C-alpha cells in the first residue's frame, strides 16, 4: 500500500482486525511502545487506526499509556524505523492538513542515504514558491524517522534544523544512512547546488546515487540550473533535480 492509499484510508473506519480493547490499552486513549532507533530509544504512539507520532522516549505524549501495538504492526514499526519509510505500516495523521499530507507523502519517497531540499519538495507538490511552508510541514511532521524529514535540507543545501532532538540527531541519522552530511555542508558552503557529468550529460542533486558514480575527472560542480543548461546538461531522471 502506498502512503497516499494509507492517507486516504484514514477517512474510513478502522479495520475490524484491530482489537483496541486488548492490544491498545483501554482503546479510549492512544498507546505507545518503545523501540530502539539510530538516535536512541523512541516512543511510537499509536491508535486503532495507525501510528500517530514518534518522539524521543523521554518526550512521550503524557496522554498515552504503554501498551502493545497490534501484532501485525510490530515488525512493520521496526522496519519503518530502520528503513525510514512507512511501507505498509498504517498511519493515523488525523488533523494534518491536505497540503502537509502531500508534502509528507513526497518526503516519504526520498531514498535512504540521499537528501532533497525544501525547494525541491515545494516544486514536487506543485507549490514552487512554498519552501517556507514545506519547512513548517517538516518541522511539525508527527512521525519523524517513519516519514524521513531528516532527509530534507535547507534550500541552500545546508543540513538545517530537526524536530526529533535537534540538528545533531539529523547529522547522526544522515551519517548512519551514508548521506555524508559533512560533504553536503561543504558543497553548500561553496554554493554548489548540482553535480554534473561531462560524459553522461546529466546533472543531479549532490546526494543522488548517480552523482556519486561520477568520477572526479568528469565531475562538474554547478551553482544553478542556468549553469547546467549552459553546459548542455539534462536533469537526472532518478533524482529529478528541477522538480
Protein backbone atom coordinates (compact mmCIF):
# COMPACT_ATOMS: atom_id res chain seq x y z
CA UNK A 1 0.00 0.00 0.00
CA UNK A 2 1.38 3.39 -0.94
CA UNK A 3 1.42 6.25 1.58
CA UNK A 4 -1.26 8.00 -0.49
CA UNK A 5 -3.52 4.95 -0.10
CA UNK A 6 -2.75 4.93 3.61
CA UNK A 7 -3.65 8.60 3.92
CA UNK A 8 -6.90 8.05 2.05
CA UNK A 9 -7.72 5.06 4.24
CA UNK A 10 -7.72 7.34 7.28
CA UNK A 11 -11.10 8.60 6.14
CA UNK A 12 -12.54 5.09 6.56
CA UNK A 13 -13.36 3.27 9.84
CA UNK A 14 -10.60 1.22 11.47
CA UNK A 15 -10.46 -2.38 10.18
CA UNK A 16 -12.22 -5.00 12.26
CA UNK A 17 -8.99 -6.96 12.73
CA UNK A 18 -7.63 -4.27 15.09
CA UNK A 19 -8.54 -5.08 18.70
CA UNK A 20 -8.03 -1.85 20.65
CA UNK A 21 -9.50 -3.11 23.92
CA UNK A 22 -6.93 -5.92 24.09
CA UNK A 23 -3.85 -4.52 22.44
CA UNK A 24 -4.20 -0.75 22.77
CA UNK A 25 -4.91 -0.47 26.46
CA UNK A 26 -8.41 0.91 27.00
CA UNK A 27 -8.88 1.89 23.37
CA UNK A 28 -10.01 5.33 24.58
CA UNK A 29 -6.54 6.86 24.72
CA UNK A 30 -3.50 6.29 22.48
CA UNK A 31 -0.94 3.70 23.45
CA UNK A 32 2.81 3.69 22.94
CA UNK A 33 5.68 1.26 22.73
CA UNK A 34 9.39 1.99 22.98
CA UNK A 35 11.73 0.99 20.16
CA UNK A 36 15.45 1.30 19.52
CA UNK A 37 16.41 3.67 16.70
CA UNK A 38 19.71 5.14 15.45
CA UNK A 39 19.07 8.18 17.69
CA UNK A 40 18.31 6.06 20.77
CA UNK A 41 15.03 4.94 22.26
CA UNK A 42 11.90 6.39 20.71
CA UNK A 43 8.26 6.16 21.75
CA UNK A 44 5.92 5.18 18.92
CA UNK A 45 2.41 6.36 19.76
CA UNK A 46 -0.49 4.60 18.04
CA UNK A 47 -4.26 4.49 17.93
CA UNK A 48 -6.51 1.77 16.50
CA UNK A 49 -6.10 3.48 13.11
CA UNK A 50 -2.30 3.53 12.96
CA UNK A 51 0.86 5.21 14.20
CA UNK A 52 0.11 8.74 15.35
CA UNK A 53 3.51 10.06 16.39
CA UNK A 54 7.16 9.27 17.02
CA UNK A 55 9.03 11.04 19.79
CA UNK A 56 12.14 10.52 21.87
CA UNK A 57 11.29 8.12 24.68
CA UNK A 58 11.56 10.82 27.34
CA UNK A 59 9.14 13.07 25.42
CA UNK A 60 6.24 10.63 25.14
CA UNK A 61 2.71 12.01 24.91
CA UNK A 62 1.52 12.36 28.54
CA UNK A 63 -1.95 11.28 27.43
CA UNK A 64 -0.68 7.91 26.15
CA UNK A 65 -0.37 4.64 28.02
CA UNK A 66 2.28 2.00 27.45
CA UNK A 67 0.76 -0.88 25.51
CA UNK A 68 1.46 -3.40 22.80
CA UNK A 69 0.52 -2.42 19.24
CA UNK A 70 -1.49 -4.92 17.16
CA UNK A 71 0.67 -7.96 16.39
CA UNK A 72 0.54 -7.26 12.66
CA UNK A 73 2.15 -3.85 13.21
CA UNK A 74 5.10 -4.80 15.43
CA UNK A 75 7.54 -5.87 12.75
CA UNK A 76 6.21 -3.16 10.44
CA UNK A 77 7.06 -0.49 13.02
CA UNK A 78 10.61 -1.81 13.44
CA UNK A 79 11.06 -2.00 9.67
CA UNK A 80 9.69 1.51 9.12
CA UNK A 81 12.03 2.96 11.75
CA UNK A 82 15.02 1.20 10.19
CA UNK A 83 14.20 1.93 6.55
CA UNK A 84 12.90 5.44 7.08
CA UNK A 85 9.66 4.96 5.13
CA UNK A 86 6.14 3.88 6.08
CA UNK A 87 5.89 0.92 3.74
CA UNK A 88 2.73 -0.97 4.71
CA UNK A 89 2.56 0.49 8.23
CA UNK A 90 -0.79 2.25 8.85
CA UNK A 91 -0.52 5.91 9.85
CA UNK A 92 -3.04 7.98 11.80
CA UNK A 93 -2.48 11.53 10.55
CA UNK A 94 -5.78 12.96 11.70
CA UNK A 95 -5.58 16.75 11.88
CA UNK A 96 -2.81 17.09 9.29
CA UNK A 97 -3.89 19.47 6.52
CA UNK A 98 -4.18 18.26 2.89
CA UNK A 99 -1.16 20.36 1.84
CA UNK A 100 1.00 18.95 4.60
CA UNK A 101 -0.13 15.43 3.75
CA UNK A 102 1.05 15.95 0.18
CA UNK A 103 4.39 17.18 1.47
CA UNK A 104 4.72 14.19 3.83
CA UNK A 105 3.78 11.81 1.03
CA UNK A 106 6.52 13.20 -1.23
CA UNK A 107 9.10 13.29 1.57
CA UNK A 108 8.46 9.58 2.13
CA UNK A 109 9.81 8.86 -1.38
CA UNK A 110 13.29 10.28 -0.70
CA UNK A 111 15.71 7.30 -0.82
CA UNK A 112 17.77 6.27 2.16
CA UNK A 113 21.20 7.86 2.04
CA UNK A 114 20.03 10.83 -0.04
CA UNK A 115 18.61 14.27 0.70
CA UNK A 116 16.35 16.76 -1.05
CA UNK A 117 15.70 20.41 -0.30
CA UNK A 118 12.62 22.27 0.90
CA UNK A 119 12.53 23.90 -2.53
CA UNK A 120 12.62 20.51 -4.25
CA UNK A 121 9.68 19.31 -2.17
CA UNK A 122 7.75 22.51 -2.83
CA UNK A 123 8.15 22.09 -6.59
CA UNK A 124 7.17 18.44 -6.46
CA UNK A 125 3.90 19.14 -4.65
CA UNK A 126 3.02 21.85 -7.18
CA UNK A 127 3.84 24.84 -4.95
CA UNK A 128 7.22 26.11 -6.18
CA UNK A 129 7.10 29.26 -4.03
CA UNK A 130 6.18 27.45 -0.81
CA UNK A 131 9.60 26.46 0.56
CA UNK A 132 8.83 28.11 3.90
CA UNK A 133 5.52 26.25 4.20
CA UNK A 134 7.30 22.99 3.34
CA UNK A 135 9.84 23.73 6.07
CA UNK A 136 6.99 24.19 8.52
CA UNK A 137 5.46 20.88 7.41
CA UNK A 138 8.76 19.12 8.07
CA UNK A 139 9.15 20.80 11.46
CA UNK A 140 5.72 19.54 12.50
CA UNK A 141 5.99 16.06 10.95
CA UNK A 142 4.23 13.88 13.54
CA UNK A 143 6.07 10.69 12.54
CA UNK A 144 9.78 11.51 12.09
CA UNK A 145 12.01 8.54 11.21
CA UNK A 146 8.99 6.84 9.59
CA UNK A 147 8.42 9.78 7.24
CA UNK A 148 12.06 10.82 6.82
CA UNK A 149 12.10 14.57 7.35
CA UNK A 150 15.76 14.15 8.32
CA UNK A 151 16.40 13.68 4.58
CA UNK A 152 15.08 17.17 3.82
CA UNK A 153 17.62 20.00 3.97
CA UNK A 154 17.50 23.75 3.52
CA UNK A 155 17.06 25.12 0.02
CA UNK A 156 20.68 26.35 0.05
CA UNK A 157 21.85 22.80 0.78
CA UNK A 158 22.66 23.29 4.46
CA UNK A 159 21.59 20.46 6.75
CA UNK A 160 19.31 22.65 8.86
CA UNK A 161 17.18 22.00 11.93
CA UNK A 162 15.42 18.84 13.10
CA UNK A 163 12.45 18.30 15.37
CA UNK A 164 13.48 14.95 16.87
CA UNK A 165 16.15 16.02 19.34
CA UNK A 166 17.79 18.80 17.32
CA UNK A 167 20.24 19.06 14.40
CA UNK A 168 22.80 16.75 16.00
CA UNK A 169 20.33 13.88 15.58
CA UNK A 170 19.77 14.85 11.97
CA UNK A 171 23.51 14.64 11.31
CA UNK A 172 23.66 11.32 13.16
CA UNK A 173 20.86 9.86 11.02
CA UNK A 174 22.37 11.09 7.76
CA UNK A 175 25.77 9.64 8.68
CA UNK A 176 24.10 6.36 9.65
CA UNK A 177 22.42 6.21 6.24
CA UNK A 178 25.60 7.12 4.33
CA UNK A 179 24.48 10.57 3.15
CA UNK A 180 27.81 12.23 4.13
CA UNK A 181 26.42 15.41 5.76
CA UNK A 182 29.91 16.91 6.12
CA UNK A 183 30.39 16.78 2.36
CA UNK A 184 26.90 18.19 1.77
CA UNK A 185 27.70 21.12 4.06
CA UNK A 186 30.97 21.75 2.20
CA UNK A 187 29.15 21.82 -1.13
CA UNK A 188 26.51 24.15 0.29
CA UNK A 189 29.19 26.50 1.62
CA UNK A 190 30.70 26.60 -1.88
CA UNK A 191 27.19 27.30 -3.28
CA UNK A 192 27.24 24.07 -5.30
CA UNK A 193 23.62 23.12 -5.98
CA UNK A 194 24.07 20.34 -8.54
CA UNK A 195 26.67 17.84 -9.73
CA UNK A 196 27.00 17.19 -13.46
CA UNK A 197 28.80 14.70 -15.68
CA UNK A 198 30.53 15.69 -18.92
CA UNK A 199 30.23 12.10 -20.15
CA UNK A 200 26.60 11.18 -19.43
CA UNK A 201 25.36 14.72 -19.94
CA UNK A 202 23.15 14.70 -16.84
CA UNK A 203 23.09 16.74 -13.66
CA UNK A 204 21.83 15.67 -10.24
CA UNK A 205 21.34 16.82 -6.69
CA UNK A 206 24.66 16.14 -4.90
CA UNK A 207 23.45 13.16 -2.88
CA UNK A 208 21.86 11.31 -5.81
CA UNK A 209 23.26 7.82 -6.33
CA UNK A 210 24.03 8.74 -9.95
CA UNK A 211 26.05 11.77 -8.83
CA UNK A 212 28.18 9.52 -6.64
CA UNK A 213 29.14 7.40 -9.63
CA UNK A 214 30.70 10.34 -11.49
CA UNK A 215 34.49 10.09 -11.41
CA UNK A 216 36.39 13.20 -10.28
CA UNK A 217 37.81 13.95 -13.76
CA UNK A 218 34.31 14.07 -15.25
CA UNK A 219 32.52 15.80 -12.38
CA UNK A 220 31.13 19.31 -12.84
CA UNK A 221 30.17 21.46 -9.86
CA UNK A 222 27.20 23.64 -10.76
CA UNK A 223 25.76 26.61 -8.90
CA UNK A 224 22.45 26.95 -10.70
CA UNK A 225 20.03 25.48 -13.20
CA UNK A 226 21.16 28.10 -15.71
CA UNK A 227 24.78 26.95 -15.39
CA UNK A 228 23.67 23.34 -16.00
CA UNK A 229 21.72 24.42 -19.08
CA UNK A 230 24.68 26.38 -20.46
CA UNK A 231 26.79 23.23 -20.10
CA UNK A 232 24.23 21.36 -22.20
CA UNK A 233 23.22 19.03 -19.37
CA UNK A 234 19.80 17.48 -18.83
CA UNK A 235 18.17 16.71 -15.45
CA UNK A 236 18.68 13.26 -13.94
CA UNK A 237 15.56 11.12 -14.21
CA UNK A 238 16.27 9.48 -10.86
CA UNK A 239 16.56 12.50 -8.55
CA UNK A 240 14.63 14.92 -10.79
CA UNK A 241 16.63 17.92 -9.59
CA UNK A 242 14.33 20.54 -11.11
CA UNK A 243 11.07 19.24 -9.71
